[in-house]
Amino acid sequence: MSGATGGTTPPSQQEIESWVIGFCRQLGLPVEDGESDFFSAGGTSLTAMRLIASAEERYGEEALPPEDLFEHSRLSQIAAVIGKNSGLVV
């Protein structure tokens, strides 16, 4: 989990959601908030793979499996999946 905890307090759900929103904006997606949908905002299979790879680099392996992203594509849901799968948020 490179940079996820680093010996400090684990990130909150809100912090993970903020990261997801910020990363989607870096990808050029016009997202507004956690209620924005990744695919409705223009997310493609390529941008999905970039999000998945970055989530795994930041929060650990299997933090965001592709099937979870396709089933839960609202940004707040993506953040919840990352938190749950990484064990950072209960």
Protein backbone atom coordinates (compact mmCIF):
# COMPACT_ATOMS: atom_id res chain seq x y z
CA MET A 1 0.00 0.00 0.00
CA SER A 2 2.38 2.61 -1.18
CA GLY A 3 1.48 5.89 0.47
CA ALA A 4 -1.88 4.66 1.75
CA THR A 5 -1.10 4.70 5.43
CA GLY A 6 2.63 5.20 5.77
CA GLY A 7 2.42 4.69 9.53
CA THR A 8 -0.20 7.37 9.93
CA THR A 9 -3.95 7.28 10.37
CA PRO A 10 -5.69 5.42 7.52
CA PRO A 11 -7.64 7.63 5.11
CA SER A 12 -11.31 8.23 5.77
CA GLN A 13 -14.03 7.39 3.28
CA GLN A 14 -14.27 11.10 2.48
CA GLU A 15 -10.52 11.29 1.77
CA ILE A 16 -10.69 8.30 -0.56
CA GLU A 17 -13.68 9.85 -2.33
CA SER A 18 -11.79 13.14 -2.72
CA TRP A 19 -8.88 11.22 -4.24
CA VAL A 20 -11.23 9.42 -6.69
CA ILE A 21 -12.83 12.72 -7.74
CA GLY A 22 -9.45 14.40 -8.15
CA PHE A 23 -8.01 11.52 -10.15
CA CYS A 24 -11.04 11.46 -12.46
CA ARG A 25 -10.57 15.18 -13.05
CA GLN A 26 -6.89 14.54 -13.89
CA LEU A 27 -8.15 12.04 -16.46
CA GLY A 28 -10.15 14.88 -18.00
CA LEU A 29 -13.56 13.67 -16.87
CA PRO A 30 -16.03 16.47 -16.07
CA VAL A 31 -17.09 15.09 -12.66
CA GLU A 32 -18.87 17.28 -10.13
CA ASP A 33 -18.92 15.27 -6.90
CA GLY A 34 -19.29 11.80 -5.45
CA GLU A 35 -22.66 11.37 -7.14
CA SER A 36 -21.09 11.66 -10.60
CA ASP A 37 -20.95 8.43 -12.57
CA PHE A 38 -17.56 7.45 -13.99
CA PHE A 39 -18.92 6.14 -17.28
CA SER A 40 -21.61 8.80 -17.75
CA ALA A 41 -18.86 11.41 -17.35
CA GLY A 42 -17.03 9.86 -20.30
CA GLY A 43 -14.96 7.15 -18.63
CA THR A 44 -13.75 4.53 -21.11
CA SER A 45 -12.05 1.17 -20.74
CA LEU A 46 -8.69 2.95 -21.03
CA THR A 47 -9.47 5.52 -18.33
CA ALA A 48 -10.96 2.74 -16.19
CA MET A 49 -7.66 0.84 -16.37
CA ARG A 50 -5.74 3.98 -15.42
CA LEU A 51 -8.03 4.51 -12.42
CA ILE A 52 -7.71 0.86 -11.37
CA ALA A 53 -3.90 0.91 -11.67
CA SER A 54 -3.60 4.13 -9.71
CA ALA A 55 -5.99 2.91 -6.99
CA GLU A 56 -3.96 -0.28 -6.63
CA GLU A 57 -0.70 1.65 -6.48
CA ARG A 58 -2.09 3.97 -3.81
CA TYR A 59 -4.32 1.63 -1.78
CA GLY A 60 -2.99 -1.86 -2.47
CA GLU A 61 -3.49 -4.77 -4.80
CA GLU A 62 -7.12 -5.57 -5.59
CA ALA A 63 -8.28 -2.22 -4.18
CA LEU A 64 -10.45 -1.74 -7.28
CA PRO A 65 -11.08 -4.88 -9.35
CA PRO A 66 -12.53 -4.15 -12.82
CA GLU A 67 -15.79 -5.97 -12.07
CA ASP A 68 -16.35 -3.75 -9.00
CA LEU A 69 -15.81 -0.61 -11.07
CA PHE A 70 -18.31 -1.76 -13.69
CA GLU A 71 -20.89 -2.71 -11.03
CA HIS A 72 -20.37 0.40 -8.86
CA SER A 73 -19.52 3.30 -11.15
CA ARG A 74 -20.75 6.27 -9.09
CA LEU A 75 -17.64 7.93 -7.62
CA SER A 76 -18.81 7.58 -4.01
CA GLN A 77 -19.39 3.87 -4.69
CA ILE A 78 -15.92 3.53 -6.20
CA ALA A 79 -14.44 5.10 -3.07
CA ALA A 80 -16.46 2.73 -0.86
CA VAL A 81 -15.21 -0.27 -2.85
CA ILE A 82 -11.60 0.91 -2.52
CA GLY A 83 -12.00 1.44 1.22
CA LYS A 84 -13.61 -1.95 1.74
CA ASN A 85 -11.25 -3.95 -0.48
CA SER A 86 -8.12 -2.32 0.92
CA GLY A 87 -9.28 -2.83 4.51
CA LEU A 88 -8.83 0.87 5.21
CA VAL A 89 -12.49 1.69 5.83
CA VAL A 90 -14.95 -0.65 7.49
